[in-house]
Structures are given as structure tokens and as C-alpha cells.
Amino acid sequence: MLLNQFLFLAAFLFATGVYGVLARKNGVLVLMSIELILNAVNLNLVAFGAFNQTVTGQIFALFVIAIAAAEVGVGLAIVLLIYRNRRSVDLTGIDALKG
């Protein structure tokens, strides 16, 4: 397969993730969209690493996966706290939670 095929797929995943972050109101769906963005970045890193015949892309992808795991843990904790306070994970009224 050619490099541009991977780049087109990654661009589609990234655009879908950005649309999901900007258009969704549900906190869990926003977190899933952020994961799509991070997976698009991983796909780019691995594709460029394979194109240059180095393993650096795969190493950086492992770091991104570790950061994504930490992001999921913190993000889900925030969503659970929002649900506990508001009985909904709707993100439109988050500014009402200001101290």
C-alpha cells in the first residue's frame, strides 16, 4: 500500500474526531472523538515510520497510546463527577458548575 492511502485514512479519522468534539454534547462521545484524533495521529506516526524504514514512529505511537490511556482515566473521572452533580453528561451546561 502507498503512504498516501494511510494519510487519507488518518485525515478522515482526524476530521471525524474534530467534528465529534465540536458537534457532540455528550461527554462520553466527546472522549471517544478525542480517541479518534489520537488514533489518527498514531496511524500517521506508524505510516511515516514504515515509509522511512525506522521504528521511531512506532515508539512515538506507544507514547501516544500511554497518554491516551491517562486521558481516558482522567476524562472518565471528570464525566462521572459531572454526572454525579447534574444527573446528566450533557456538556452544554458545564459553565453553571463554576464555584
Protein backbone atom coordinates (compact mmCIF):
# COMPACT_ATOMS: atom_id res chain seq x y z
CA MET A 1 0.00 0.00 0.00
CA LEU A 2 1.10 3.52 -0.62
CA LEU A 3 1.79 6.16 2.00
CA ASN A 4 -0.92 8.49 0.74
CA GLN A 5 -3.60 5.86 1.38
CA PHE A 6 -2.68 5.79 5.06
CA LEU A 7 -2.56 9.58 5.16
CA PHE A 8 -6.04 9.88 3.63
CA LEU A 9 -7.41 7.41 6.16
CA ALA A 10 -5.74 9.29 9.01
CA ALA A 11 -7.06 12.62 7.70
CA PHE A 12 -10.58 11.18 7.56
CA LEU A 13 -10.29 9.85 11.12
CA PHE A 14 -8.90 13.17 12.33
CA ALA A 15 -11.67 15.17 10.64
CA THR A 16 -14.31 12.84 12.05
CA GLY A 17 -12.82 13.25 15.52
CA VAL A 18 -12.72 17.04 15.28
CA TYR A 19 -16.33 17.09 14.11
CA GLY A 20 -17.29 14.86 17.03
CA VAL A 21 -15.55 17.11 19.54
CA LEU A 22 -17.17 20.26 18.16
CA ALA A 23 -20.67 18.94 17.47
CA ARG A 24 -21.40 16.50 20.30
CA LYS A 25 -22.97 17.40 23.60
CA ASN A 26 -22.47 14.08 25.37
CA GLY A 27 -19.27 13.86 27.41
CA VAL A 28 -18.60 10.21 26.60
CA LEU A 29 -18.94 10.83 22.85
CA VAL A 30 -16.53 13.75 23.11
CA LEU A 31 -13.99 11.45 24.78
CA MET A 32 -14.49 8.89 22.01
CA SER A 33 -13.88 11.61 19.41
CA ILE A 34 -10.64 12.59 21.14
CA GLU A 35 -9.61 8.94 20.94
CA LEU A 36 -10.30 9.01 17.19
CA ILE A 37 -8.00 12.02 16.87
CA LEU A 38 -5.24 10.27 18.81
CA ASN A 39 -5.63 7.12 16.70
CA ALA A 40 -5.29 9.20 13.54
CA VAL A 41 -2.04 10.59 14.92
CA ASN A 42 -0.86 7.05 15.70
CA LEU A 43 -1.65 5.95 12.17
CA ASN A 44 0.39 8.83 10.78
CA LEU A 45 3.33 8.07 13.07
CA VAL A 46 3.42 4.39 12.15
CA ALA A 47 2.92 5.08 8.42
CA PHE A 48 5.78 7.59 8.29
CA GLY A 49 7.97 5.29 10.35
CA ALA A 50 7.32 2.43 7.92
CA PHE A 51 7.91 4.75 4.96
CA ASN A 52 11.29 5.84 6.36
CA GLN A 53 12.06 2.26 7.49
CA THR A 54 12.65 3.25 11.11
CA VAL A 55 10.98 2.23 14.35
CA THR A 56 10.75 5.75 15.75
CA GLY A 57 7.16 6.11 14.57
CA GLN A 58 6.15 3.02 16.47
CA ILE A 59 7.96 4.21 19.59
CA PHE A 60 6.19 7.56 19.49
CA ALA A 61 2.89 5.75 18.87
CA LEU A 62 3.43 3.79 22.08
CA PHE A 63 3.90 7.05 23.97
CA VAL A 64 0.68 8.42 22.44
CA ILE A 65 -1.17 5.26 23.49
CA ALA A 66 0.09 5.72 27.06
CA ILE A 67 -1.04 9.34 27.06
CA ALA A 68 -4.42 8.29 25.64
CA ALA A 69 -4.86 5.79 28.47
CA ALA A 70 -4.17 8.51 31.04
CA GLU A 71 -6.55 10.85 29.20
CA VAL A 72 -9.31 8.26 29.34
CA GLY A 73 -8.84 7.77 33.06
CA VAL A 74 -8.94 11.49 33.85
CA GLY A 75 -11.70 12.18 31.32
CA LEU A 76 -13.98 9.46 32.63
CA ALA A 77 -13.43 10.68 36.19
CA ILE A 78 -14.49 14.17 35.13
CA VAL A 79 -17.54 12.81 33.30
CA LEU A 80 -18.53 10.78 36.38
CA LEU A 81 -18.25 13.87 38.59
CA ILE A 82 -20.39 15.84 36.15
CA TYR A 83 -22.97 13.06 36.16
CA ARG A 84 -22.93 12.91 39.95
CA ASN A 85 -23.60 16.65 40.24
CA ARG A 86 -26.05 17.16 37.35
CA ARG A 87 -27.54 13.67 36.70
CA SER A 88 -26.61 14.12 33.04
CA VAL A 89 -23.44 14.02 30.95
CA ASP A 90 -24.67 16.83 28.72
CA LEU A 91 -21.83 19.30 28.27
CA THR A 92 -23.92 22.37 27.36
CA GLY A 93 -24.47 23.50 30.94
CA ILE A 94 -20.99 22.88 32.29
CA ASP A 95 -20.35 26.57 32.85
CA ALA A 96 -23.07 26.51 35.53
CA LEU A 97 -20.71 24.44 37.72
CA LYS A 98 -18.39 27.38 38.34
CA GLY A 99 -17.59 27.96 42.01
